[in-house]
Amino acid sequence: MRGFIDEFGLAFVTVDFGQGPLDFMIDTGFTGTLVVGEQFFDPRQAEYAGPTDAEMADEAWAEYETYYVEFDWFGEMIRARILVGPGKTCLLGVALLMDCRLELDYPVRTVNIV
């Protein structure tokens, strides 16, 4: 899976979690799977899993609604619990990267997940 590094040095990959492709910023400080901005999320295409509290990088706490979705991840259908949050924020966390190698090439501005 290939991605890109934007003008601010942030690494992104495009993932289709069953509701259409979105660009997700890779967040190696997030131990979960995906955070999806609520304006991009259709709850009718997912199974509600309830609220959860999450600690942010600045040690603040926030409550997110969570859902189960199924999607293709490197040729395998997986069922993942995702967090749905306010606005446009879409993050890919380390739970999806645990069996992968993450390569960031800043001079070429590419991301590769193997």
PDB file of N, CA and C in Angstrom:
ATOM      1  N   MET A   1       0.856  -1.167   0.000  1.00  0.00           N
ATOM      2  CA  MET A   1       0.000   0.000   0.000  1.00  0.00           C
ATOM      3  C   MET A   1       0.902   1.230   0.000  1.00  0.00           C
ATOM      4  N   ARG A   2       0.638   2.120  -0.938  1.00  0.00           N
ATOM      5  CA  ARG A   2       1.448   3.332  -1.037  1.00  0.00           C
ATOM      6  C   ARG A   2       0.630   4.540  -0.597  1.00  0.00           C
ATOM      7  N   GLY A   3       1.331   5.503  -0.063  1.00  0.00           N
ATOM      8  CA  GLY A   3       0.707   6.731   0.381  1.00  0.00           C
ATOM      9  C   GLY A   3       1.578   7.919   0.042  1.00  0.00           C
ATOM     10  N   PHE A   4       1.366   9.020   0.746  1.00  0.00           N
ATOM     11  CA  PHE A   4       2.085  10.246   0.433  1.00  0.00           C
ATOM     12  C   PHE A   4       2.384  11.030   1.705  1.00  0.00           C
ATOM     13  N   ILE A   5       3.356  11.899   1.612  1.00  0.00           N
ATOM     14  CA  ILE A   5       3.692  12.831   2.680  1.00  0.00           C
ATOM     15  C   ILE A   5       3.302  14.215   2.189  1.00  0.00           C
ATOM     16  N   ASP A   6       2.480  14.911   2.984  1.00  0.00           N
ATOM     17  CA  ASP A   6       1.983  16.215   2.531  1.00  0.00           C
ATOM     18  C   ASP A   6       3.013  17.323   2.777  1.00  0.00           C
ATOM     19  N   GLU A   7       2.624  18.538   2.469  1.00  0.00           N
ATOM     20  CA  GLU A   7       3.536  19.678   2.585  1.00  0.00           C
ATOM     21  C   GLU A   7       3.931  20.005   4.018  1.00  0.00           C
ATOM     22  N   PHE A   8       3.213  19.447   4.994  1.00  0.00           N
ATOM     23  CA  PHE A   8       3.535  19.663   6.399  1.00  0.00           C
ATOM     24  C   PHE A   8       4.348  18.511   6.997  1.00  0.00           C
ATOM     25  N   GLY A   9       4.678  17.512   6.162  1.00  0.00           N
ATOM     26  CA  GLY A   9       5.447  16.365   6.627  1.00  0.00           C
ATOM     27  C   GLY A   9       4.606  15.269   7.257  1.00  0.00           C
ATOM     28  N   LEU A  10       3.293  15.324   7.075  1.00  0.00           N
ATOM     29  CA  LEU A  10       2.399  14.307   7.637  1.00  0.00           C
ATOM     30  C   LEU A  10       2.226  13.171   6.635  1.00  0.00           C
ATOM     31  N   ALA A  11       2.262  11.939   7.139  1.00  0.00           N
ATOM     32  CA  ALA A  11       2.166  10.749   6.288  1.00  0.00           C
ATOM     33  C   ALA A  11       0.724  10.273   6.206  1.00  0.00           C
ATOM     34  N   PHE A  12       0.265   9.995   4.980  1.00  0.00           N
ATOM     35  CA  PHE A  12      -1.106   9.557   4.728  1.00  0.00           C
ATOM     36  C   PHE A  12      -1.129   8.310   3.852  1.00  0.00           C
ATOM     37  N   VAL A  13      -2.156   7.472   4.048  1.00  0.00           N
ATOM     38  CA  VAL A  13      -2.486   6.393   3.134  1.00  0.00           C
ATOM     39  C   VAL A  13      -3.987   6.444   2.893  1.00  0.00           C
ATOM     40  N   THR A  14      -4.398   5.959   1.729  1.00  0.00           N
ATOM     41  CA  THR A  14      -5.819   5.924   1.398  1.00  0.00           C
ATOM     42  C   THR A  14      -6.352   4.538   1.713  1.00  0.00           C
ATOM     43  N   VAL A  15      -7.410   4.499   2.533  1.00  0.00           N
ATOM     44  CA  VAL A  15      -8.023   3.241   2.961  1.00  0.00           C
ATOM     45  C   VAL A  15      -9.511   3.298   2.669  1.00  0.00           C
ATOM     46  N   ASP A  16     -10.050   2.215   2.145  1.00  0.00           N
ATOM     47  CA  ASP A  16     -11.494   2.085   1.988  1.00  0.00           C
ATOM     48  C   ASP A  16     -11.968   1.117   3.059  1.00  0.00           C
ATOM     49  N   PHE A  17     -12.602   1.653   4.108  1.00  0.00           N
ATOM     50  CA  PHE A  17     -13.064   0.832   5.225  1.00  0.00           C
ATOM     51  C   PHE A  17     -14.507   0.379   5.032  1.00  0.00           C
ATOM     52  N   GLY A  18     -14.925   0.340   3.768  1.00  0.00           N
ATOM     53  CA  GLY A  18     -16.260  -0.147   3.436  1.00  0.00           C
ATOM     54  C   GLY A  18     -17.252   0.961   3.153  1.00  0.00           C
ATOM     55  N   GLN A  19     -16.814   2.212   3.242  1.00  0.00           N
ATOM     56  CA  GLN A  19     -17.702   3.344   2.969  1.00  0.00           C
ATOM     57  C   GLN A  19     -17.087   4.299   1.960  1.00  0.00           C
ATOM     58  N   GLY A  20     -16.148   3.810   1.197  1.00  0.00           N
ATOM     59  CA  GLY A  20     -15.469   4.641   0.207  1.00  0.00           C
ATOM     60  C   GLY A  20     -14.085   5.026   0.686  1.00  0.00           C
ATOM     61  N   PRO A  21     -13.187   5.323  -0.225  1.00  0.00           N
ATOM     62  CA  PRO A  21     -11.804   5.630   0.140  1.00  0.00           C
ATOM     63  C   PRO A  21     -11.669   6.999   0.807  1.00  0.00           C
ATOM     64  N   LEU A  22     -10.817   7.034   1.838  1.00  0.00           N
ATOM     65  CA  LEU A  22     -10.480   8.279   2.536  1.00  0.00           C
ATOM     66  C   LEU A  22      -8.983   8.289   2.810  1.00  0.00           C
ATOM     67  N   ASP A  23      -8.408   9.477   2.874  1.00  0.00           N
ATOM     68  CA  ASP A  23      -7.007   9.609   3.256  1.00  0.00           C
ATOM     69  C   ASP A  23      -6.909   9.630   4.775  1.00  0.00           C
ATOM     70  N   PHE A  24      -6.142   8.677   5.318  1.00  0.00           N
ATOM     71  CA  PHE A  24      -5.938   8.566   6.757  1.00  0.00           C
ATOM     72  C   PHE A  24      -4.516   8.962   7.099  1.00  0.00           C
ATOM     73  N   MET A  25      -4.354   9.866   8.064  1.00  0.00           N
ATOM     74  CA  MET A  25      -3.030  10.212   8.539  1.00  0.00           C
ATOM     75  C   MET A  25      -2.533   9.073   9.430  1.00  0.00           C
ATOM     76  N   ILE A  26      -1.300   8.659   9.224  1.00  0.00           N
ATOM     77  CA  ILE A  26      -0.715   7.595  10.037  1.00  0.00           C
ATOM     78  C   ILE A  26      -0.316   8.193  11.375  1.00  0.00           C
ATOM     79  N   ASP A  27      -0.854   7.628  12.446  1.00  0.00           N
ATOM     80  CA  ASP A  27      -0.618   8.126  13.804  1.00  0.00           C
ATOM     81  C   ASP A  27      -0.055   6.985  14.642  1.00  0.00           C
ATOM     82  N   THR A  28       1.268   6.917  14.759  1.00  0.00           N
ATOM     83  CA  THR A  28       1.892   5.822  15.509  1.00  0.00           C
ATOM     84  C   THR A  28       1.746   6.002  17.018  1.00  0.00           C
ATOM     85  N   GLY A  29       1.128   7.084  17.461  1.00  0.00           N
ATOM     86  CA  GLY A  29       0.805   7.247  18.873  1.00  0.00           C
ATOM     87  C   GLY A  29      -0.591   6.753  19.218  1.00  0.00           C
ATOM     88  N   PHE A  30      -1.352   6.365  18.197  1.00  0.00           N
ATOM     89  CA  PHE A  30      -2.728   5.873  18.377  1.00  0.00           C
ATOM     90  C   PHE A  30      -2.693   4.355  18.304  1.00  0.00           C
ATOM     91  N   THR A  31      -3.036   3.697  19.392  1.00  0.00           N
ATOM     92  CA  THR A  31      -2.923   2.236  19.459  1.00  0.00           C
ATOM     93  C   THR A  31      -4.109   1.507  18.848  1.00  0.00           C
ATOM     94  N   GLY A  32      -5.148   2.220  18.436  1.00  0.00           N
ATOM     95  CA  GLY A  32      -6.321   1.585  17.851  1.00  0.00           C
ATOM     96  C   GLY A  32      -6.178   1.349  16.354  1.00  0.00           C
ATOM     97  N   THR A  33      -7.311   1.159  15.688  1.00  0.00           N
ATOM     98  CA  THR A  33      -7.308   0.871  14.250  1.00  0.00           C
ATOM     99  C   THR A  33      -7.497   2.139  13.440  1.00  0.00           C
ATOM    100  N   LEU A  34      -8.722   2.678  13.430  1.00  0.00           N
ATOM    101  CA  LEU A  34      -9.033   3.866  12.650  1.00  0.00           C
ATOM    102  C   LEU A  34      -9.863   4.837  13.477  1.00  0.00           C
ATOM    103  N   VAL A  35      -9.602   6.120  13.276  1.00  0.00           N
ATOM    104  CA  VAL A  35     -10.507   7.184  13.702  1.00  0.00           C
ATOM    105  C   VAL A  35     -11.056   7.775  12.417  1.00  0.00           C
ATOM    106  N   VAL A  36     -12.374   7.894  12.341  1.00  0.00           N
ATOM    107  CA  VAL A  36     -13.025   8.431  11.149  1.00  0.00           C
ATOM    108  C   VAL A  36     -13.802   9.679  11.556  1.00  0.00           C
ATOM    109  N   GLY A  37     -13.599  10.752  10.814  1.00  0.00           N
ATOM    110  CA  GLY A  37     -14.370  11.972  11.060  1.00  0.00           C
ATOM    111  C   GLY A  37     -15.847  11.728  10.811  1.00  0.00           C
ATOM    112  N   GLU A  38     -16.687  12.184  11.736  1.00  0.00           N
ATOM    113  CA  GLU A  38     -18.121  11.892  11.663  1.00  0.00           C
ATOM    114  C   GLU A  38     -18.757  12.370  10.370  1.00  0.00           C
ATOM    115  N   GLN A  39     -18.222  13.400   9.741  1.00  0.00           N
ATOM    116  CA  GLN A  39     -18.838  13.881   8.501  1.00  0.00           C
ATOM    117  C   GLN A  39     -18.575  12.946   7.328  1.00  0.00           C
ATOM    118  N   PHE A  40     -17.647  11.998   7.484  1.00  0.00           N
ATOM    119  CA  PHE A  40     -17.364  11.013   6.433  1.00  0.00           C
ATOM    120  C   PHE A  40     -17.981   9.652   6.723  1.00  0.00           C
ATOM    121  N   PHE A  41     -18.660   9.508   7.845  1.00  0.00           N
ATOM    122  CA  PHE A  41     -19.088   8.192   8.320  1.00  0.00           C
ATOM    123  C   PHE A  41     -20.591   8.027   8.218  1.00  0.00           C
ATOM    124  N   ASP A  42     -21.024   6.876   7.683  1.00  0.00           N
ATOM    125  CA  ASP A  42     -22.446   6.534   7.608  1.00  0.00           C
ATOM    126  C   ASP A  42     -22.704   5.387   8.586  1.00  0.00           C
ATOM    127  N   PRO A  43     -23.308   5.645   9.736  1.00  0.00           N
ATOM    128  CA  PRO A  43     -23.521   4.587  10.734  1.00  0.00           C
ATOM    129  C   PRO A  43     -24.446   3.473  10.258  1.00  0.00           C
ATOM    130  N   ARG A  44     -25.220   3.710   9.207  1.00  0.00           N
ATOM    131  CA  ARG A  44     -26.110   2.668   8.691  1.00  0.00           C
ATOM    132  C   ARG A  44     -25.327   1.534   8.040  1.00  0.00           C
ATOM    133  N   GLN A  45     -24.051   1.770   7.734  1.00  0.00           N
ATOM    134  CA  GLN A  45     -23.217   0.756   7.101  1.00  0.00           C
ATOM    135  C   GLN A  45     -22.245   0.128   8.095  1.00  0.00           C
ATOM    136  N   ALA A  46     -22.593   0.170   9.378  1.00  0.00           N
ATOM    137  CA  ALA A  46     -21.711  -0.362  10.412  1.00  0.00           C
ATOM    138  C   ALA A  46     -22.541  -0.865  11.587  1.00  0.00           C
ATOM    139  N   GLU A  47     -21.898  -1.613  12.463  1.00  0.00           N
ATOM    140  CA  GLU A  47     -22.552  -2.136  13.662  1.00  0.00           C
ATOM    141  C   GLU A  47     -22.103  -1.313  14.867  1.00  0.00           C
ATOM    142  N   TYR A  48     -23.060  -0.701  15.558  1.00  0.00           N
ATOM    143  CA  TYR A  48     -22.737   0.148  16.711  1.00  0.00           C
ATOM    144  C   TYR A  48     -22.116  -0.688  17.826  1.00  0.00           C
ATOM    145  N   ALA A  49     -21.036  -0.173  18.427  1.00  0.00           N
ATOM    146  CA  ALA A  49     -20.334  -0.894  19.493  1.00  0.00           C
ATOM    147  C   ALA A  49     -20.292  -0.111  20.802  1.00  0.00           C
ATOM    148  N   GLY A  50     -20.876   1.079  20.842  1.00  0.00           N
ATOM    149  CA  GLY A  50     -20.940   1.849  22.072  1.00  0.00           C
ATOM    150  C   GLY A  50     -19.863   2.912  22.171  1.00  0.00           C
ATOM    151  N   PRO A  51     -19.960   3.743  23.228  1.00  0.00           N
ATOM    152  CA  PRO A  51     -18.969   4.803  23.418  1.00  0.00           C
ATOM    153  C   PRO A  51     -17.705   4.271  24.092  1.00  0.00           C
ATOM    154  N   THR A  52     -16.631   5.004  23.907  1.00  0.00           N
ATOM    155  CA  THR A  52     -15.387   4.681  24.599  1.00  0.00           C
ATOM    156  C   THR A  52     -14.638   5.972  24.879  1.00  0.00           C
ATOM    157  N   ASP A  53     -13.853   5.981  25.945  1.00  0.00           N
ATOM    158  CA  ASP A  53     -12.990   7.103  26.254  1.00  0.00           C
ATOM    159  C   ASP A  53     -11.617   6.848  25.663  1.00  0.00           C
ATOM    160  N   ALA A  54     -10.992   7.894  25.148  1.00  0.00           N
ATOM    161  CA  ALA A  54      -9.665   7.765  24.553  1.00  0.00           C
ATOM    162  C   ALA A  54      -8.777   8.887  25.081  1.00  0.00           C
ATOM    163  N   GLU A  55      -7.538   8.543  25.382  1.00  0.00           N
ATOM    164  CA  GLU A  55      -6.586   9.548  25.826  1.00  0.00           C
ATOM    165  C   GLU A  55      -5.861  10.117  24.614  1.00  0.00           C
ATOM    166  N   MET A  56      -5.817  11.434  24.524  1.00  0.00           N
ATOM    167  CA  MET A  56      -5.161  12.117  23.420  1.00  0.00           C
ATOM    168  C   MET A  56      -3.671  12.281  23.717  1.00  0.00           C
ATOM    169  N   ALA A  57      -2.912  12.671  22.696  1.00  0.00           N
ATOM    170  CA  ALA A  57      -1.470  12.854  22.841  1.00  0.00           C
ATOM    171  C   ALA A  57      -1.131  13.901  23.900  1.00  0.00           C
ATOM    172  N   ASP A  58      -2.008  14.891  24.083  1.00  0.00           N
ATOM    173  CA  ASP A  58      -1.763  15.930  25.086  1.00  0.00           C
ATOM    174  C   ASP A  58      -2.295  15.544  26.468  1.00  0.00           C
ATOM    175  N   GLU A  59      -2.626  14.269  26.650  1.00  0.00           N
ATOM    176  CA  GLU A  59      -3.136  13.679  27.886  1.00  0.00           C
ATOM    177  C   GLU A  59      -4.561  14.098  28.221  1.00  0.00           C
ATOM    178  N   ALA A  60      -5.239  14.790  27.308  1.00  0.00           N
ATOM    179  CA  ALA A  60      -6.661  15.092  27.485  1.00  0.00           C
ATOM    180  C   ALA A  60      -7.457  13.834  27.149  1.00  0.00           C
ATOM    181  N   TRP A  61      -8.684  13.754  27.645  1.00  0.00           N
ATOM    182  CA  TRP A  61      -9.562  12.623  27.367  1.00  0.00           C
ATOM    183  C   TRP A  61     -10.735  13.084  26.523  1.00  0.00           C
ATOM    184  N   ALA A  62     -11.175  12.211  25.616  1.00  0.00           N
ATOM    185  CA  ALA A  62     -12.333  12.502  24.769  1.00  0.00           C
ATOM    186  C   ALA A  62     -13.172  11.233  24.660  1.00  0.00           C
ATOM    187  N   GLU A  63     -14.469  11.412  24.472  1.00  0.00           N
ATOM    188  CA  GLU A  63     -15.355  10.269  24.272  1.00  0.00           C
ATOM    189  C   GLU A  63     -15.678  10.137  22.790  1.00  0.00           C
ATOM    190  N   TYR A  64     -15.578   8.912  22.286  1.00  0.00           N
ATOM    191  CA  TYR A  64     -15.876   8.610  20.892  1.00  0.00           C
ATOM    192  C   TYR A  64     -16.951   7.544  20.827  1.00  0.00           C
ATOM    193  N   GLU A  65     -17.779   7.605  19.796  1.00  0.00           N
ATOM    194  CA  GLU A  65     -18.673   6.503  19.482  1.00  0.00           C
ATOM    195  C   GLU A  65     -17.842   5.479  18.712  1.00  0.00           C
ATOM    196  N   THR A  66     -18.120   4.196  18.920  1.00  0.00           N
ATOM    197  CA  THR A  66     -17.370   3.166  18.209  1.00  0.00           C
ATOM    198  C   THR A  66     -18.322   2.274  17.422  1.00  0.00           C
ATOM    199  N   TYR A  67     -17.783   1.737  16.327  1.00  0.00           N
ATOM    200  CA  TYR A  67     -18.547   0.879  15.425  1.00  0.00           C
ATOM    201  C   TYR A  67     -17.647  -0.236  14.929  1.00  0.00           C
ATOM    202  N   TYR A  68     -18.259  -1.355  14.572  1.00  0.00           N
ATOM    203  CA  TYR A  68     -17.543  -2.434  13.897  1.00  0.00           C
ATOM    204  C   TYR A  68     -17.793  -2.303  12.399  1.00  0.00           C
ATOM    205  N   VAL A  69     -16.721  -2.420  11.634  1.00  0.00           N
ATOM    206  CA  VAL A  69     -16.807  -2.427  10.184  1.00  0.00           C
ATOM    207  C   VAL A  69     -15.951  -3.578   9.666  1.00  0.00           C
ATOM    208  N   GLU A  70     -16.266  -4.046   8.478  1.00  0.00           N
ATOM    209  CA  GLU A  70     -15.456  -5.072   7.821  1.00  0.00           C
ATOM    210  C   GLU A  70     -14.904  -4.482   6.534  1.00  0.00           C
ATOM    211  N   PHE A  71     -13.602  -4.718   6.304  1.00  0.00           N
ATOM    212  CA  PHE A  71     -12.986  -4.200   5.083  1.00  0.00           C
ATOM    213  C   PHE A  71     -11.747  -5.016   4.747  1.00  0.00           C
ATOM    214  N   ASP A  72     -11.316  -4.856   3.513  1.00  0.00           N
ATOM    215  CA  ASP A  72     -10.155  -5.569   3.009  1.00  0.00           C
ATOM    216  C   ASP A  72      -8.885  -4.870   3.477  1.00  0.00           C
ATOM    217  N   TRP A  73      -8.015  -5.620   4.139  1.00  0.00           N
ATOM    218  CA  TRP A  73      -6.725  -5.104   4.584  1.00  0.00           C
ATOM    219  C   TRP A  73      -5.659  -6.054   4.066  1.00  0.00           C
ATOM    220  N   PHE A  74      -4.968  -5.668   3.022  1.00  0.00           N
ATOM    221  CA  PHE A  74      -3.942  -6.477   2.374  1.00  0.00           C
ATOM    222  C   PHE A  74      -4.471  -7.846   1.947  1.00  0.00           C
ATOM    223  N   GLY A  75      -5.638  -7.851   1.288  1.00  0.00           N
ATOM    224  CA  GLY A  75      -6.202  -9.068   0.733  1.00  0.00           C
ATOM    225  C   GLY A  75      -6.958  -9.942   1.707  1.00  0.00           C
ATOM    226  N   GLU A  76      -7.109  -9.498   2.944  1.00  0.00           N
ATOM    227  CA  GLU A  76      -7.832 -10.267   3.954  1.00  0.00           C
ATOM    228  C   GLU A  76      -8.957  -9.409   4.524  1.00  0.00           C
ATOM    229  N   MET A  77     -10.160  -9.973   4.574  1.00  0.00           N
ATOM    230  CA  MET A  77     -11.274  -9.246   5.177  1.00  0.00           C
ATOM    231  C   MET A  77     -11.096  -9.271   6.690  1.00  0.00           C
ATOM    232  N   ILE A  78     -11.091  -8.081   7.286  1.00  0.00           N
ATOM    233  CA  ILE A  78     -10.966  -7.993   8.738  1.00  0.00           C
ATOM    234  C   ILE A  78     -12.177  -7.280   9.310  1.00  0.00           C
ATOM    235  N   ARG A  79     -12.447  -7.557  10.560  1.00  0.00           N
ATOM    236  CA  ARG A  79     -13.499  -6.864  11.309  1.00  0.00           C
ATOM    237  C   ARG A  79     -12.773  -6.004  12.332  1.00  0.00           C
ATOM    238  N   ALA A  80     -13.019  -4.717  12.292  1.00  0.00           N
ATOM    239  CA  ALA A  80     -12.292  -3.800  13.159  1.00  0.00           C
ATOM    240  C   ALA A  80     -13.259  -2.875  13.885  1.00  0.00           C
ATOM    241  N   ARG A  81     -12.903  -2.545  15.099  1.00  0.00           N
ATOM    242  CA  ARG A  81     -13.651  -1.555  15.871  1.00  0.00           C
ATOM    243  C   ARG A  81     -13.002  -0.203  15.599  1.00  0.00           C
ATOM    244  N   ILE A  82     -13.794   0.732  15.091  1.00  0.00           N
ATOM    245  CA  ILE A  82     -13.274   2.048  14.763  1.00  0.00           C
ATOM    246  C   ILE A  82     -13.918   3.106  15.650  1.00  0.00           C
ATOM    247  N   LEU A  83     -13.229   4.210  15.823  1.00  0.00           N
ATOM    248  CA  LEU A  83     -13.726   5.342  16.584  1.00  0.00           C
ATOM    249  C   LEU A  83     -14.225   6.394  15.616  1.00  0.00           C
ATOM    250  N   VAL A  84     -15.366   6.981  15.916  1.00  0.00           N
ATOM    251  CA  VAL A  84     -15.921   8.033  15.078  1.00  0.00           C
ATOM    252  C   VAL A  84     -15.912   9.315  15.898  1.00  0.00           C
ATOM    253  N   GLY A  85     -15.211  10.328  15.364  1.00  0.00           N
ATOM    254  CA  GLY A  85     -15.041  11.567  16.106  1.00  0.00           C
ATOM    255  C   GLY A  85     -15.506  12.771  15.325  1.00  0.00           C
ATOM    256  N   PRO A  86     -15.438  13.913  15.972  1.00  0.00           N
ATOM    257  CA  PRO A  86     -15.934  15.140  15.345  1.00  0.00           C
ATOM    258  C   PRO A  86     -15.082  15.588  14.165  1.00  0.00           C
ATOM    259  N   GLY A  87     -15.732  16.263  13.232  1.00  0.00           N
ATOM    260  CA  GLY A  87     -15.026  16.911  12.138  1.00  0.00           C
ATOM    261  C   GLY A  87     -14.518  15.986  11.062  1.00  0.00           C
ATOM    262  N   LYS A  88     -13.325  16.329  10.537  1.00  0.00           N
ATOM    263  CA  LYS A  88     -12.747  15.652   9.387  1.00  0.00           C
ATOM    264  C   LYS A  88     -11.586  14.731   9.750  1.00  0.00           C
ATOM    265  N   THR A  89     -11.245  14.613  11.015  1.00  0.00           N
ATOM    266  CA  THR A  89     -10.062  13.852  11.408  1.00  0.00           C
ATOM    267  C   THR A  89     -10.191  12.379  11.053  1.00  0.00           C
ATOM    268  N   CYS A  90      -9.210  11.863  10.295  1.00  0.00           N
ATOM    269  CA  CYS A  90      -9.140  10.445   9.960  1.00  0.00           C
ATOM    270  C   CYS A  90      -7.715   9.966  10.256  1.00  0.00           C
ATOM    271  N   LEU A  91      -7.599   9.024  11.183  1.00  0.00           N
ATOM    272  CA  LEU A  91      -6.297   8.520  11.616  1.00  0.00           C
ATOM    273  C   LEU A  91      -6.224   7.022  11.443  1.00  0.00           C
ATOM    274  N   LEU A  92      -5.059   6.530  11.056  1.00  0.00           N
ATOM    275  CA  LEU A  92      -4.782   5.103  11.001  1.00  0.00           C
ATOM    276  C   LEU A  92      -3.808   4.806  12.134  1.00  0.00           C
ATOM    277  N   GLY A  93      -4.179   3.859  13.004  1.00  0.00           N
ATOM    278  CA  GLY A  93      -3.361   3.556  14.171  1.00  0.00           C
ATOM    279  C   GLY A  93      -2.542   2.289  14.043  1.00  0.00           C
ATOM    280  N   VAL A  94      -1.732   2.040  15.072  1.00  0.00           N
ATOM    281  CA  VAL A  94      -0.780   0.937  15.033  1.00  0.00           C
ATOM    282  C   VAL A  94      -1.428  -0.438  15.071  1.00  0.00           C
ATOM    283  N   ALA A  95      -2.681  -0.557  15.492  1.00  0.00           N
ATOM    284  CA  ALA A  95      -3.319  -1.880  15.496  1.00  0.00           C
ATOM    285  C   ALA A  95      -3.357  -2.467  14.092  1.00  0.00           C
ATOM    286  N   LEU A  96      -3.459  -1.618  13.061  1.00  0.00           N
ATOM    287  CA  LEU A  96      -3.449  -2.107  11.684  1.00  0.00           C
ATOM    288  C   LEU A  96      -2.031  -2.285  11.146  1.00  0.00           C
ATOM    289  N   LEU A  97      -1.049  -1.708  11.818  1.00  0.00           N
ATOM    290  CA  LEU A  97       0.334  -1.761  11.342  1.00  0.00           C
ATOM    291  C   LEU A  97       1.171  -2.837  12.019  1.00  0.00           C
ATOM    292  N   MET A  98       0.635  -3.512  13.020  1.00  0.00           N
ATOM    293  CA  MET A  98       1.428  -4.440  13.837  1.00  0.00           C
ATOM    294  C   MET A  98       2.123  -5.532  13.032  1.00  0.00           C
ATOM    295  N   ASP A  99       1.515  -6.002  11.963  1.00  0.00           N
ATOM    296  CA  ASP A  99       2.117  -7.063  11.147  1.00  0.00           C
ATOM    297  C   ASP A  99       2.727  -6.511   9.861  1.00  0.00           C
ATOM    298  N   CYS A 100       2.988  -5.219   9.825  1.00  0.00           N
ATOM    299  CA  CYS A 100       3.456  -4.562   8.614  1.00  0.00           C
ATOM    300  C   CYS A 100       4.787  -3.846   8.860  1.00  0.00           C
ATOM    301  N   ARG A 101       5.410  -3.484   7.760  1.00  0.00           N
ATOM    302  CA  ARG A 101       6.573  -2.613   7.809  1.00  0.00           C
ATOM    303  C   ARG A 101       6.144  -1.267   7.232  1.00  0.00           C
ATOM    304  N   LEU A 102       6.415  -0.196   7.959  1.00  0.00           N
ATOM    305  CA  LEU A 102       6.069   1.149   7.537  1.00  0.00           C
ATOM    306  C   LEU A 102       7.339   1.839   7.059  1.00  0.00           C
ATOM    307  N   GLU A 103       7.334   2.268   5.796  1.00  0.00           N
ATOM    308  CA  GLU A 103       8.486   2.957   5.213  1.00  0.00           C
ATOM    309  C   GLU A 103       8.079   4.382   4.851  1.00  0.00           C
ATOM    310  N   LEU A 104       8.784   5.349   5.405  1.00  0.00           N
ATOM    311  CA  LEU A 104       8.564   6.753   5.079  1.00  0.00           C
ATOM    312  C   LEU A 104       9.803   7.263   4.364  1.00  0.00           C
ATOM    313  N   ASP A 105       9.628   7.817   3.181  1.00  0.00           N
ATOM    314  CA  ASP A 105      10.738   8.374   2.411  1.00  0.00           C
ATOM    315  C   ASP A 105      10.451   9.866   2.253  1.00  0.00           C
ATOM    316  N   TYR A 106      11.001  10.661   3.160  1.00  0.00           N
ATOM    317  CA  TYR A 106      10.716  12.091   3.140  1.00  0.00           C
ATOM    318  C   TYR A 106      11.259  12.808   1.904  1.00  0.00           C
ATOM    319  N   PRO A 107      12.489  12.491   1.424  1.00  0.00           N
ATOM    320  CA  PRO A 107      12.943  13.191   0.222  1.00  0.00           C
ATOM    321  C   PRO A 107      12.043  12.935  -0.997  1.00  0.00           C
ATOM    322  N   VAL A 108      11.511  11.730  -1.136  1.00  0.00           N
ATOM    323  CA  VAL A 108      10.646  11.396  -2.275  1.00  0.00           C
ATOM    324  C   VAL A 108       9.175  11.680  -1.946  1.00  0.00           C
ATOM    325  N   ARG A 109       8.862  11.881  -0.643  1.00  0.00           N
ATOM    326  CA  ARG A 109       7.513  12.189  -0.148  1.00  0.00           C
ATOM    327  C   ARG A 109       6.539  11.044  -0.352  1.00  0.00           C
ATOM    328  N   THR A 110       7.026   9.811  -0.098  1.00  0.00           N
ATOM    329  CA  THR A 110       6.145   8.657  -0.231  1.00  0.00           C
ATOM    330  C   THR A 110       6.086   7.867   1.070  1.00  0.00           C
ATOM    331  N   VAL A 111       5.010   7.111   1.188  1.00  0.00           N
ATOM    332  CA  VAL A 111       4.774   6.191   2.290  1.00  0.00           C
ATOM    333  C   VAL A 111       4.523   4.832   1.673  1.00  0.00           C
ATOM    334  N   ASN A 112       5.058   3.796   2.284  1.00  0.00           N
ATOM    335  CA  ASN A 112       4.805   2.439   1.811  1.00  0.00           C
ATOM    336  C   ASN A 112       4.540   1.567   3.029  1.00  0.00           C
ATOM    337  N   ILE A 113       3.426   0.847   3.020  1.00  0.00           N
ATOM    338  CA  ILE A 113       3.110  -0.128   4.058  1.00  0.00           C
ATOM    339  C   ILE A 113       3.207  -1.498   3.404  1.00  0.00           C
ATOM    340  N   VAL A 114       4.081  -2.335   3.937  1.00  0.00           N
ATOM    341  CA  VAL A 114       4.328  -3.666   3.387  1.00  0.00           C
ATOM    342  C   VAL A 114       3.893  -4.698   4.404  1.00  0.00           C
TER     343      VAL A 114
END
